Amino acid sequence: MLREWMPWLVTLSEAEASVPERPGKWSAKQVIGHLIDSAVNNLGRVVRLQIEPGQSESGYEQVEWVNLQHYAEREWAQVLALWFALNEHMTWTVRHIEKSRLTSVGLIEGESLTLGFLIEDYVAHMQHHLRLMKVWLGTGGEKVRQSSGMDGAGV
């Protein structure tokens, strides 16, 4: 999936990546920053649920994570490189999970989930945000505005 999205993402200019979808919403830098934070949090969950199934994991303050790390002020190429590297490592880690562990159950924000579902949901969450970014940033100069739904909690 990473290699599917990177060719498009690298075509975005620093200026394009810096402009919020609309007032009060995130820019592409901040959306990818949010996906970086999701990778960090979910990588920890993936590892911890293999070590000790059944444990309870909390959510995280997504907006605060993005704001405190100042993704909007960082160079687009650096944000992309970090996102790519973290997800390459997540892919590496997931490929090495023993199949029997995918049914391990843990609680995340009070919801009972299997490790397999957590991984599937992580990928779906990433695809969701990337698809929305492509819609509102457009291709070939076409820009379509649509809400990116960045106000929720979870993955």
N, C-alpha and C. Protein backbone atom coordinates (compact mmCIF):
# COMPACT_ATOMS: atom_id res chain seq x y z
N MET A 1 0.81 -1.19 0.00
CA MET A 1 0.00 0.00 0.00
C MET A 1 0.86 1.26 0.00
N LEU A 2 1.95 1.26 0.72
CA LEU A 2 2.83 2.44 0.76
C LEU A 2 3.32 2.80 -0.62
N ARG A 3 3.74 1.81 -1.34
CA ARG A 3 4.29 2.06 -2.68
C ARG A 3 3.20 2.50 -3.66
N GLU A 4 1.96 2.21 -3.33
CA GLU A 4 0.84 2.66 -4.14
C GLU A 4 0.61 4.18 -3.96
N TRP A 5 0.80 4.68 -2.75
CA TRP A 5 0.49 6.07 -2.45
C TRP A 5 1.67 7.03 -2.59
N MET A 6 2.88 6.55 -2.40
CA MET A 6 4.04 7.45 -2.43
C MET A 6 4.22 8.19 -3.76
N PRO A 7 4.03 7.55 -4.92
CA PRO A 7 4.21 8.31 -6.16
C PRO A 7 3.33 9.56 -6.24
N TRP A 8 2.11 9.47 -5.73
CA TRP A 8 1.24 10.65 -5.71
C TRP A 8 1.68 11.63 -4.63
N LEU A 9 1.94 11.14 -3.43
CA LEU A 9 2.30 12.04 -2.32
C LEU A 9 3.54 12.88 -2.62
N VAL A 10 4.53 12.28 -3.27
CA VAL A 10 5.76 13.03 -3.55
C VAL A 10 5.56 14.11 -4.61
N THR A 11 4.46 14.05 -5.35
CA THR A 11 4.20 15.10 -6.34
C THR A 11 3.62 16.36 -5.71
N LEU A 12 3.15 16.26 -4.47
CA LEU A 12 2.60 17.44 -3.80
C LEU A 12 3.74 18.38 -3.43
N SER A 13 3.55 19.63 -3.74
CA SER A 13 4.57 20.64 -3.42
C SER A 13 4.50 20.97 -1.93
N GLU A 14 5.53 21.62 -1.46
CA GLU A 14 5.55 22.09 -0.07
C GLU A 14 4.32 22.98 0.18
N ALA A 15 4.02 23.85 -0.76
CA ALA A 15 2.87 24.76 -0.60
C ALA A 15 1.55 23.98 -0.55
N GLU A 16 1.37 23.03 -1.47
CA GLU A 16 0.14 22.24 -1.48
C GLU A 16 -0.03 21.45 -0.18
N ALA A 17 1.06 20.89 0.31
CA ALA A 17 1.01 20.07 1.52
C ALA A 17 0.79 20.92 2.78
N SER A 18 1.00 22.21 2.67
CA SER A 18 0.91 23.11 3.83
C SER A 18 -0.44 23.78 4.00
N VAL A 19 -1.29 23.74 2.98
CA VAL A 19 -2.57 24.44 3.04
C VAL A 19 -3.64 23.51 3.61
N PRO A 20 -4.33 23.95 4.66
CA PRO A 20 -5.40 23.12 5.21
C PRO A 20 -6.51 22.90 4.18
N GLU A 21 -7.18 21.78 4.34
CA GLU A 21 -8.30 21.46 3.45
C GLU A 21 -9.27 22.64 3.40
N ARG A 22 -9.57 23.18 4.56
CA ARG A 22 -10.39 24.39 4.70
C ARG A 22 -10.12 24.91 6.11
N PRO A 23 -10.55 26.12 6.43
CA PRO A 23 -10.29 26.65 7.78
C PRO A 23 -10.77 25.69 8.87
N GLY A 24 -9.91 25.47 9.84
CA GLY A 24 -10.23 24.58 10.95
C GLY A 24 -9.92 23.11 10.71
N LYS A 25 -9.46 22.78 9.51
CA LYS A 25 -9.09 21.40 9.18
C LYS A 25 -7.57 21.30 9.03
N TRP A 26 -7.09 20.09 8.89
CA TRP A 26 -5.66 19.87 8.79
C TRP A 26 -5.17 20.01 7.35
N SER A 27 -3.89 20.30 7.22
CA SER A 27 -3.19 20.26 5.94
C SER A 27 -2.74 18.82 5.67
N ALA A 28 -2.23 18.57 4.47
CA ALA A 28 -1.69 17.24 4.15
C ALA A 28 -0.56 16.88 5.12
N LYS A 29 0.28 17.85 5.47
CA LYS A 29 1.37 17.59 6.43
C LYS A 29 0.79 17.08 7.74
N GLN A 30 -0.29 17.70 8.18
CA GLN A 30 -0.88 17.32 9.46
C GLN A 30 -1.62 15.99 9.37
N VAL A 31 -2.25 15.71 8.24
CA VAL A 31 -2.91 14.41 8.06
C VAL A 31 -1.86 13.30 8.09
N ILE A 32 -0.78 13.48 7.35
CA ILE A 32 0.29 12.47 7.36
C ILE A 32 0.92 12.40 8.76
N GLY A 33 1.04 13.55 9.43
CA GLY A 33 1.51 13.55 10.82
C GLY A 33 0.60 12.72 11.70
N HIS A 34 -0.71 12.87 11.51
CA HIS A 34 -1.67 12.06 12.26
C HIS A 34 -1.46 10.57 11.96
N LEU A 35 -1.18 10.24 10.71
CA LEU A 35 -0.92 8.84 10.36
C LEU A 35 0.40 8.34 10.95
N ILE A 36 1.36 9.24 11.12
CA ILE A 36 2.60 8.90 11.82
C ILE A 36 2.28 8.55 13.27
N ASP A 37 1.48 9.39 13.90
CA ASP A 37 1.09 9.14 15.30
C ASP A 37 0.31 7.84 15.43
N SER A 38 -0.55 7.56 14.45
CA SER A 38 -1.28 6.30 14.44
C SER A 38 -0.32 5.13 14.33
N ALA A 39 0.70 5.27 13.49
CA ALA A 39 1.70 4.20 13.34
C ALA A 39 2.44 3.96 14.66
N VAL A 40 2.86 5.04 15.30
CA VAL A 40 3.59 4.92 16.57
C VAL A 40 2.73 4.21 17.61
N ASN A 41 1.50 4.68 17.77
CA ASN A 41 0.61 4.10 18.77
C ASN A 41 0.24 2.66 18.45
N ASN A 42 -0.07 2.39 17.20
CA ASN A 42 -0.50 1.03 16.84
C ASN A 42 0.66 0.04 16.79
N LEU A 43 1.85 0.49 16.45
CA LEU A 43 3.00 -0.40 16.52
C LEU A 43 3.19 -0.88 17.96
N GLY A 44 3.08 0.04 18.90
CA GLY A 44 3.17 -0.35 20.32
C GLY A 44 2.10 -1.34 20.71
N ARG A 45 0.88 -1.11 20.24
CA ARG A 45 -0.22 -2.02 20.55
C ARG A 45 0.03 -3.40 19.96
N VAL A 46 0.50 -3.45 18.72
CA VAL A 46 0.76 -4.72 18.04
C VAL A 46 1.81 -5.52 18.82
N VAL A 47 2.84 -4.86 19.25
CA VAL A 47 3.91 -5.54 19.99
C VAL A 47 3.41 -5.98 21.37
N ARG A 48 2.76 -5.06 22.09
CA ARG A 48 2.30 -5.38 23.45
C ARG A 48 1.26 -6.49 23.47
N LEU A 49 0.35 -6.53 22.47
CA LEU A 49 -0.66 -7.59 22.45
C LEU A 49 -0.06 -8.96 22.14
N GLN A 50 1.10 -8.97 21.51
CA GLN A 50 1.79 -10.26 21.31
C GLN A 50 2.49 -10.70 22.59
N ILE A 51 3.00 -9.75 23.34
CA ILE A 51 3.70 -10.09 24.58
C ILE A 51 2.72 -10.52 25.66
N GLU A 52 1.64 -9.77 25.78
CA GLU A 52 0.67 -10.05 26.84
C GLU A 52 -0.76 -9.83 26.34
N PRO A 53 -1.34 -10.86 25.73
CA PRO A 53 -2.74 -10.74 25.28
C PRO A 53 -3.65 -10.43 26.47
N GLY A 54 -4.74 -9.76 26.19
CA GLY A 54 -5.72 -9.47 27.23
C GLY A 54 -5.53 -8.13 27.91
N GLN A 55 -4.42 -7.48 27.64
CA GLN A 55 -4.21 -6.21 28.33
C GLN A 55 -5.08 -5.10 27.75
N SER A 56 -5.21 -4.06 28.54
CA SER A 56 -6.05 -2.92 28.15
C SER A 56 -5.16 -1.79 27.65
N GLU A 57 -5.51 -1.25 26.48
CA GLU A 57 -4.76 -0.15 25.86
C GLU A 57 -5.66 1.08 25.82
N SER A 58 -5.07 2.21 26.04
CA SER A 58 -5.84 3.45 25.97
C SER A 58 -5.74 4.05 24.57
N GLY A 59 -6.57 5.03 24.33
CA GLY A 59 -6.48 5.80 23.09
C GLY A 59 -5.41 6.87 23.26
N TYR A 60 -5.42 7.85 22.39
CA TYR A 60 -4.50 8.97 22.52
C TYR A 60 -5.17 10.23 22.01
N GLU A 61 -4.71 11.36 22.48
CA GLU A 61 -5.27 12.65 22.12
C GLU A 61 -4.74 13.06 20.75
N GLN A 62 -5.45 12.68 19.70
CA GLN A 62 -4.96 12.82 18.33
C GLN A 62 -4.64 14.26 17.95
N VAL A 63 -5.52 15.17 18.22
CA VAL A 63 -5.29 16.57 17.84
C VAL A 63 -4.09 17.12 18.59
N GLU A 64 -3.99 16.82 19.87
CA GLU A 64 -2.85 17.30 20.67
C GLU A 64 -1.54 16.71 20.17
N TRP A 65 -1.55 15.44 19.80
CA TRP A 65 -0.33 14.82 19.26
C TRP A 65 0.14 15.57 18.01
N VAL A 66 -0.79 15.86 17.12
CA VAL A 66 -0.44 16.57 15.88
C VAL A 66 0.06 17.97 16.21
N ASN A 67 -0.66 18.67 17.08
CA ASN A 67 -0.26 20.04 17.41
C ASN A 67 1.09 20.11 18.11
N LEU A 68 1.31 19.23 19.07
CA LEU A 68 2.55 19.28 19.86
C LEU A 68 3.79 18.88 19.06
N GLN A 69 3.59 18.16 17.96
CA GLN A 69 4.74 17.75 17.14
C GLN A 69 4.99 18.69 15.95
N HIS A 70 4.12 19.67 15.78
CA HIS A 70 4.35 20.75 14.80
C HIS A 70 4.61 20.25 13.39
N TYR A 71 3.83 19.28 12.96
CA TYR A 71 3.98 18.76 11.59
C TYR A 71 3.79 19.86 10.55
N ALA A 72 2.91 20.80 10.82
CA ALA A 72 2.64 21.88 9.86
C ALA A 72 3.89 22.72 9.57
N GLU A 73 4.82 22.74 10.51
CA GLU A 73 6.03 23.54 10.35
C GLU A 73 7.22 22.75 9.79
N ARG A 74 7.05 21.47 9.67
CA ARG A 74 8.14 20.61 9.20
C ARG A 74 8.11 20.52 7.68
N GLU A 75 9.25 20.26 7.08
CA GLU A 75 9.30 20.10 5.62
C GLU A 75 8.51 18.86 5.21
N TRP A 76 7.76 19.02 4.11
CA TRP A 76 6.92 17.95 3.58
C TRP A 76 7.73 16.68 3.35
N ALA A 77 8.90 16.80 2.76
CA ALA A 77 9.72 15.61 2.48
C ALA A 77 10.09 14.88 3.77
N GLN A 78 10.33 15.61 4.84
CA GLN A 78 10.67 14.97 6.12
C GLN A 78 9.47 14.25 6.72
N VAL A 79 8.30 14.87 6.62
CA VAL A 79 7.08 14.24 7.13
C VAL A 79 6.82 12.95 6.38
N LEU A 80 6.92 13.01 5.05
CA LEU A 80 6.70 11.81 4.23
C LEU A 80 7.71 10.71 4.54
N ALA A 81 8.96 11.09 4.68
CA ALA A 81 10.02 10.10 4.96
C ALA A 81 9.76 9.37 6.27
N LEU A 82 9.34 10.11 7.29
CA LEU A 82 9.06 9.49 8.58
C LEU A 82 7.85 8.56 8.47
N TRP A 83 6.79 9.01 7.81
CA TRP A 83 5.60 8.18 7.62
C TRP A 83 5.96 6.88 6.88
N PHE A 84 6.73 7.02 5.82
CA PHE A 84 7.13 5.86 5.03
C PHE A 84 7.96 4.88 5.87
N ALA A 85 8.95 5.40 6.58
CA ALA A 85 9.84 4.54 7.38
C ALA A 85 9.06 3.80 8.48
N LEU A 86 8.19 4.50 9.18
CA LEU A 86 7.42 3.86 10.24
C LEU A 86 6.51 2.77 9.69
N ASN A 87 5.92 3.02 8.54
CA ASN A 87 5.01 2.02 7.97
C ASN A 87 5.76 0.85 7.33
N GLU A 88 6.95 1.10 6.83
CA GLU A 88 7.78 -0.03 6.38
C GLU A 88 8.11 -0.92 7.57
N HIS A 89 8.41 -0.30 8.72
CA HIS A 89 8.71 -1.08 9.92
C HIS A 89 7.45 -1.80 10.43
N MET A 90 6.31 -1.13 10.39
CA MET A 90 5.06 -1.78 10.80
C MET A 90 4.82 -3.00 9.91
N THR A 91 5.01 -2.84 8.61
CA THR A 91 4.82 -3.96 7.67
C THR A 91 5.76 -5.11 8.03
N TRP A 92 7.02 -4.80 8.28
CA TRP A 92 8.02 -5.80 8.68
C TRP A 92 7.57 -6.54 9.93
N THR A 93 7.12 -5.79 10.92
CA THR A 93 6.69 -6.39 12.19
C THR A 93 5.48 -7.29 11.99
N VAL A 94 4.49 -6.81 11.24
CA VAL A 94 3.27 -7.59 11.02
C VAL A 94 3.57 -8.87 10.25
N ARG A 95 4.46 -8.79 9.28
CA ARG A 95 4.81 -9.99 8.51
C ARG A 95 5.43 -11.09 9.38
N HIS A 96 5.97 -10.71 10.51
CA HIS A 96 6.62 -11.68 11.39
C HIS A 96 5.76 -12.13 12.56
N ILE A 97 4.49 -11.76 12.56
CA ILE A 97 3.59 -12.23 13.61
C ILE A 97 3.19 -13.66 13.32
N GLU A 98 3.28 -14.50 14.34
CA GLU A 98 2.81 -15.88 14.19
C GLU A 98 1.29 -15.84 14.00
N LYS A 99 0.80 -16.58 13.01
CA LYS A 99 -0.63 -16.57 12.69
C LYS A 99 -1.51 -16.85 13.91
N SER A 100 -1.06 -17.72 14.80
CA SER A 100 -1.86 -18.05 15.98
C SER A 100 -2.06 -16.85 16.90
N ARG A 101 -1.21 -15.85 16.80
CA ARG A 101 -1.33 -14.67 17.66
C ARG A 101 -2.35 -13.65 17.14
N LEU A 102 -2.76 -13.79 15.90
CA LEU A 102 -3.71 -12.84 15.33
C LEU A 102 -5.07 -12.88 16.02
N THR A 103 -5.35 -13.97 16.72
CA THR A 103 -6.62 -14.09 17.45
C THR A 103 -6.50 -13.60 18.90
N SER A 104 -5.32 -13.17 19.29
CA SER A 104 -5.13 -12.61 20.64
C SER A 104 -6.05 -11.42 20.81
N VAL A 105 -6.67 -11.33 21.96
CA VAL A 105 -7.65 -10.27 22.22
C VAL A 105 -7.08 -9.28 23.23
N GLY A 106 -7.35 -8.03 23.00
CA GLY A 106 -7.00 -6.97 23.94
C GLY A 106 -8.13 -5.96 23.97
N LEU A 107 -8.09 -5.09 24.95
CA LEU A 107 -9.07 -4.01 25.06
C LEU A 107 -8.41 -2.71 24.62
N ILE A 108 -9.03 -2.04 23.67
CA ILE A 108 -8.54 -0.74 23.23
C ILE A 108 -9.67 0.25 23.42
N GLU A 109 -9.43 1.19 24.31
CA GLU A 109 -10.46 2.17 24.68
C GLU A 109 -11.74 1.45 25.11
N GLY A 110 -11.57 0.34 25.85
CA GLY A 110 -12.69 -0.41 26.38
C GLY A 110 -13.36 -1.36 25.41
N GLU A 111 -12.89 -1.38 24.16
CA GLU A 111 -13.49 -2.27 23.15
C GLU A 111 -12.60 -3.50 22.96
N SER A 112 -13.22 -4.67 22.98
CA SER A 112 -12.50 -5.92 22.80
C SER A 112 -12.20 -6.14 21.31
N LEU A 113 -10.91 -6.28 20.99
CA LEU A 113 -10.48 -6.45 19.60
C LEU A 113 -9.42 -7.53 19.51
N THR A 114 -9.41 -8.24 18.38
CA THR A 114 -8.31 -9.18 18.15
C THR A 114 -7.13 -8.42 17.54
N LEU A 115 -5.96 -8.98 17.65
CA LEU A 115 -4.77 -8.40 17.04
C LEU A 115 -4.96 -8.31 15.52
N GLY A 116 -5.57 -9.33 14.93
CA GLY A 116 -5.83 -9.31 13.49
C GLY A 116 -6.73 -8.16 13.08
N PHE A 117 -7.78 -7.91 13.86
CA PHE A 117 -8.68 -6.80 13.56
C PHE A 117 -7.96 -5.46 13.72
N LEU A 118 -7.16 -5.34 14.77
CA LEU A 118 -6.41 -4.10 15.00
C LEU A 118 -5.56 -3.76 13.78
N ILE A 119 -4.89 -4.75 13.22
CA ILE A 119 -4.04 -4.53 12.05
C ILE A 119 -4.89 -4.14 10.84
N GLU A 120 -5.98 -4.87 10.61
CA GLU A 120 -6.87 -4.54 9.48
C GLU A 120 -7.43 -3.13 9.62
N ASP A 121 -7.82 -2.76 10.84
CA ASP A 121 -8.39 -1.44 11.08
C ASP A 121 -7.34 -0.34 10.89
N TYR A 122 -6.11 -0.63 11.28
CA TYR A 122 -5.02 0.32 11.08
C TYR A 122 -4.85 0.64 9.58
N VAL A 123 -4.84 -0.39 8.77
CA VAL A 123 -4.69 -0.22 7.32
C VAL A 123 -5.89 0.53 6.74
N ALA A 124 -7.10 0.16 7.16
CA ALA A 124 -8.31 0.83 6.67
C ALA A 124 -8.32 2.30 7.06
N HIS A 125 -7.88 2.60 8.26
CA HIS A 125 -7.79 3.99 8.74
C HIS A 125 -6.84 4.80 7.86
N MET A 126 -5.70 4.23 7.55
CA MET A 126 -4.73 4.92 6.71
C MET A 126 -5.29 5.15 5.31
N GLN A 127 -5.88 4.12 4.73
CA GLN A 127 -6.46 4.24 3.39
C GLN A 127 -7.57 5.29 3.37
N HIS A 128 -8.37 5.33 4.39
CA HIS A 128 -9.45 6.31 4.50
C HIS A 128 -8.90 7.74 4.38
N HIS A 129 -7.89 8.05 5.18
CA HIS A 129 -7.33 9.40 5.17
C HIS A 129 -6.62 9.71 3.85
N LEU A 130 -5.92 8.75 3.30
CA LEU A 130 -5.22 8.99 2.04
C LEU A 130 -6.21 9.22 0.90
N ARG A 131 -7.28 8.45 0.87
CA ARG A 131 -8.30 8.64 -0.17
C ARG A 131 -8.94 10.03 -0.06
N LEU A 132 -9.26 10.43 1.17
CA LEU A 132 -9.85 11.75 1.36
C LEU A 132 -8.88 12.85 0.96
N MET A 133 -7.61 12.68 1.28
CA MET A 133 -6.62 13.67 0.87
C MET A 133 -6.58 13.80 -0.64
N LYS A 134 -6.62 12.68 -1.32
CA LYS A 134 -6.55 12.72 -2.78
C LYS A 134 -7.77 13.43 -3.36
N VAL A 135 -8.91 13.28 -2.72
CA VAL A 135 -10.12 13.97 -3.18
C VAL A 135 -9.97 15.47 -3.00
N TRP A 136 -9.59 15.91 -1.80
CA TRP A 136 -9.57 17.36 -1.59
C TRP A 136 -8.34 18.04 -2.16
N LEU A 137 -7.25 17.33 -2.35
CA LEU A 137 -6.09 17.93 -2.99
C LEU A 137 -6.18 17.81 -4.50
N GLY A 138 -6.89 16.78 -4.95
CA GLY A 138 -7.08 16.58 -6.38
C GLY A 138 -5.80 16.16 -7.07
N THR A 139 -5.94 15.96 -8.36
CA THR A 139 -4.79 15.66 -9.21
C THR A 139 -4.90 16.53 -10.44
N GLY A 140 -3.80 16.89 -11.00
CA GLY A 140 -3.81 17.71 -12.21
C GLY A 140 -4.43 19.07 -12.00
N GLY A 141 -4.29 19.62 -10.78
CA GLY A 141 -4.80 20.95 -10.52
C GLY A 141 -6.27 21.00 -10.10
N GLU A 142 -6.98 19.87 -10.21
CA GLU A 142 -8.39 19.86 -9.79
C GLU A 142 -8.43 19.68 -8.28
N LYS A 143 -9.16 20.57 -7.63
CA LYS A 143 -9.29 20.46 -6.18
C LYS A 143 -10.75 20.36 -5.82
N VAL A 144 -11.09 19.29 -5.14
CA VAL A 144 -12.46 19.06 -4.69
C VAL A 144 -12.43 19.12 -3.18
N ARG A 145 -13.33 19.87 -2.59
CA ARG A 145 -13.37 20.01 -1.13
C ARG A 145 -14.33 19.00 -0.54
N GLN A 146 -13.85 18.32 0.52
CA GLN A 146 -14.67 17.36 1.24
C GLN A 146 -14.12 17.28 2.64
N SER A 147 -14.97 17.04 3.63
CA SER A 147 -14.51 16.94 5.01
C SER A 147 -13.61 15.74 5.18
N SER A 148 -12.49 15.95 5.92
CA SER A 148 -11.58 14.83 6.17
C SER A 148 -11.87 14.15 7.49
N GLY A 149 -12.87 14.59 8.24
CA GLY A 149 -13.27 13.91 9.46
C GLY A 149 -12.14 13.72 10.45
N MET A 150 -11.38 14.77 10.74
CA MET A 150 -10.20 14.64 11.57
C MET A 150 -10.48 14.85 13.04
N ASP A 151 -11.73 14.91 13.44
CA ASP A 151 -12.03 15.26 14.83
C ASP A 151 -12.24 14.05 15.74
N GLY A 152 -12.13 12.83 15.24
CA GLY A 152 -12.42 11.64 16.04
C GLY A 152 -11.23 11.13 16.81
N ALA A 153 -11.47 10.12 17.62
CA ALA A 153 -10.42 9.46 18.39
C ALA A 153 -10.27 8.04 17.87
N GLY A 154 -9.31 7.32 18.39
CA GLY A 154 -9.17 5.91 18.04
C GLY A 154 -7.85 5.59 17.42
N VAL A 155 -7.86 5.01 16.24
CA VAL A 155 -6.67 4.48 15.60
C VAL A 155 -5.72 5.57 15.19
